[in-house]
C-alpha atoms as a PDB file:
ATOM      1  CA  UNK A   1     -22.167   1.371   3.166  1.00  0.00           C
ATOM      2  CA  UNK A   2     -21.514   0.657   6.793  1.00  0.00           C
ATOM      3  CA  UNK A   3     -19.408  -1.232   8.719  1.00  0.00           C
ATOM      4  CA  UNK A   4     -21.321  -1.411  11.993  1.00  0.00           C
ATOM      5  CA  UNK A   5     -20.698  -0.286  15.237  1.00  0.00           C
ATOM      6  CA  UNK A   6     -18.146  -3.126  16.172  1.00  0.00           C
ATOM      7  CA  UNK A   7     -16.091  -2.711  12.863  1.00  0.00           C
ATOM      8  CA  UNK A   8     -12.957  -4.447  14.817  1.00  0.00           C
ATOM      9  CA  UNK A   9      -9.800  -6.037  12.940  1.00  0.00           C
ATOM     10  CA  UNK A  10      -6.400  -7.345  13.842  1.00  0.00           C
ATOM     11  CA  UNK A  11      -3.579  -6.060  11.159  1.00  0.00           C
ATOM     12  CA  UNK A  12      -2.090  -9.311   9.212  1.00  0.00           C
ATOM     13  CA  UNK A  13       1.578  -8.385   8.621  1.00  0.00           C
ATOM     14  CA  UNK A  14       4.252  -6.142  11.004  1.00  0.00           C
ATOM     15  CA  UNK A  15       2.914  -4.462  13.810  1.00  0.00           C
ATOM     16  CA  UNK A  16      -0.151  -3.185  15.500  1.00  0.00           C
ATOM     17  CA  UNK A  17       0.509   0.361  15.273  1.00  0.00           C
ATOM     18  CA  UNK A  18      -0.748   3.205  13.199  1.00  0.00           C
ATOM     19  CA  UNK A  19       2.061   4.009  10.661  1.00  0.00           C
ATOM     20  CA  UNK A  20       2.963   5.846   7.514  1.00  0.00           C
ATOM     21  CA  UNK A  21       3.466   2.242   5.731  1.00  0.00           C
ATOM     22  CA  UNK A  22       0.863   0.137   7.791  1.00  0.00           C
ATOM     23  CA  UNK A  23      -2.490   1.420   7.049  1.00  0.00           C
ATOM     24  CA  UNK A  24      -5.201  -0.364   6.151  1.00  0.00           C
ATOM     25  CA  UNK A  25      -8.470  -0.846   4.628  1.00  0.00           C
ATOM     26  CA  UNK A  26     -11.420  -2.253   6.491  1.00  0.00           C
ATOM     27  CA  UNK A  27     -13.234  -4.566   3.706  1.00  0.00           C
ATOM     28  CA  UNK A  28     -17.014  -6.472   3.593  1.00  0.00           C
ATOM     29  CA  UNK A  29     -16.557  -9.494   1.570  1.00  0.00           C
ATOM     30  CA  UNK A  30     -19.168 -10.486  -0.649  1.00  0.00           C
ATOM     31  CA  UNK A  31     -19.882 -13.505   1.874  1.00  0.00           C
ATOM     32  CA  UNK A  32     -20.281 -11.007   5.286  1.00  0.00           C
ATOM     33  CA  UNK A  33     -17.138 -11.211   6.458  1.00  0.00           C
ATOM     34  CA  UNK A  34     -14.602  -8.084   7.566  1.00  0.00           C
ATOM     35  CA  UNK A  35     -11.097  -8.225   5.913  1.00  0.00           C
ATOM     36  CA  UNK A  36      -8.309  -5.859   5.933  1.00  0.00           C
ATOM     37  CA  UNK A  37      -6.490  -4.345   3.377  1.00  0.00           C
ATOM     38  CA  UNK A  38      -3.361  -3.136   2.722  1.00  0.00           C
ATOM     39  CA  UNK A  39      -2.834   0.632   1.612  1.00  0.00           C
ATOM     40  CA  UNK A  40       0.265   1.599  -0.609  1.00  0.00           C
ATOM     41  CA  UNK A  41       1.958   5.236  -0.173  1.00  0.00           C
ATOM     42  CA  UNK A  42       0.734   7.797  -2.982  1.00  0.00           C
ATOM     43  CA  UNK A  43       3.628   8.151  -5.080  1.00  0.00           C
ATOM     44  CA  UNK A  44       5.850  11.425  -5.316  1.00  0.00           C
ATOM     45  CA  UNK A  45       7.324  10.913  -8.738  1.00  0.00           C
ATOM     46  CA  UNK A  46      10.585  12.977 -10.182  1.00  0.00           C
ATOM     47  CA  UNK A  47      11.023  16.310 -10.093  1.00  0.00           C
ATOM     48  CA  UNK A  48      13.342  19.036 -11.928  1.00  0.00           C
ATOM     49  CA  UNK A  49      16.293  19.545 -10.079  1.00  0.00           C
ATOM     50  CA  UNK A  50      16.635  23.219 -10.291  1.00  0.00           C
ATOM     51  CA  UNK A  51      12.422  24.185 -10.343  1.00  0.00           C
ATOM     52  CA  UNK A  52      11.270  21.462  -8.472  1.00  0.00           C
ATOM     53  CA  UNK A  53       8.510  21.075 -10.242  1.00  0.00           C
ATOM     54  CA  UNK A  54       7.420  17.221 -11.817  1.00  0.00           C
ATOM     55  CA  UNK A  55       8.874  15.901 -14.504  1.00  0.00           C
ATOM     56  CA  UNK A  56       6.648  15.599 -17.691  1.00  0.00           C
ATOM     57  CA  UNK A  57       6.507  12.571 -19.750  1.00  0.00           C
ATOM     58  CA  UNK A  58       7.759   9.678 -16.741  1.00  0.00           C
ATOM     59  CA  UNK A  59       4.214   8.614 -14.658  1.00  0.00           C
ATOM     60  CA  UNK A  60       4.705   8.808 -10.765  1.00  0.00           C
ATOM     61  CA  UNK A  61       5.733   5.654  -9.472  1.00  0.00           C
ATOM     62  CA  UNK A  62       6.766   4.092  -6.189  1.00  0.00           C
ATOM     63  CA  UNK A  63      11.041   3.665  -6.525  1.00  0.00           C
ATOM     64  CA  UNK A  64       9.917  -0.502  -6.752  1.00  0.00           C
ATOM     65  CA  UNK A  65       7.968  -0.024  -9.495  1.00  0.00           C
ATOM     66  CA  UNK A  66      10.350   1.562 -11.098  1.00  0.00           C
ATOM     67  CA  UNK A  67      12.687  -1.735 -11.546  1.00  0.00           C
ATOM     68  CA  UNK A  68       9.557  -3.480 -13.236  1.00  0.00           C
ATOM     69  CA  UNK A  69       9.298  -0.769 -15.483  1.00  0.00           C
ATOM     70  CA  UNK A  70      10.565  -0.486 -19.060  1.00  0.00           C
ATOM     71  CA  UNK A  71      13.198   1.749 -19.646  1.00  0.00           C
ATOM     72  CA  UNK A  72      10.872   3.838 -22.088  1.00  0.00           C
ATOM     73  CA  UNK A  73       8.475   4.139 -19.798  1.00  0.00           C
ATOM     74  CA  UNK A  74      11.253   5.353 -16.758  1.00  0.00           C
ATOM     75  CA  UNK A  75      12.599   8.518 -18.906  1.00  0.00           C
ATOM     76  CA  UNK A  76      12.391  10.846 -21.875  1.00  0.00           C
ATOM     77  CA  UNK A  77      13.774  10.222 -25.628  1.00  0.00           C
ATOM     78  CA  UNK A  78      13.533  13.704 -26.682  1.00  0.00           C
ATOM     79  CA  UNK A  79      16.133  16.516 -27.814  1.00  0.00           C
ATOM     80  CA  UNK A  80      17.479  18.301 -25.080  1.00  0.00           C
ATOM     81  CA  UNK A  81      15.728  16.753 -22.338  1.00  0.00           C
ATOM     82  CA  UNK A  82      18.325  16.377 -19.664  1.00  0.00           C
ATOM     83  CA  UNK A  83      19.596  19.944 -19.678  1.00  0.00           C
ATOM     84  CA  UNK A  84      18.278  21.811 -17.016  1.00  0.00           C
ATOM     85  CA  UNK A  85      15.366  24.526 -18.645  1.00  0.00           C
ATOM     86  CA  UNK A  86      16.610  28.158 -18.447  1.00  0.00           C
ATOM     87  CA  UNK A  87      15.134  30.357 -15.676  1.00  0.00           C
ATOM     88  CA  UNK A  88      15.029  32.864 -13.598  1.00  0.00           C
ATOM     89  CA  UNK A  89      17.093  31.705 -10.384  1.00  0.00           C
ATOM     90  CA  UNK A  90      20.423  31.434 -10.320  1.00  0.00           C
ATOM     91  CA  UNK A  91      20.902  27.720  -9.071  1.00  0.00           C
END
């Protein structure tokens, strides 16, 4: 799906600079109009403070999305879940 040679659009929010928080996607609607859709940032997710690996059982989400998530989705409820694993490092 090509957008043509003249695919210029105007930003609807914030400012007119191509920053990390102001990314857009150009979408052609079924009516033939070219509109702007804002792209959300990709979440990094929680990591272990010792090994820096991703924590299993907790979804990757932006901080404001955790606020609306149920507590059972934000944490894990298994034995020894809060104890850091034994590693070769002395951290």
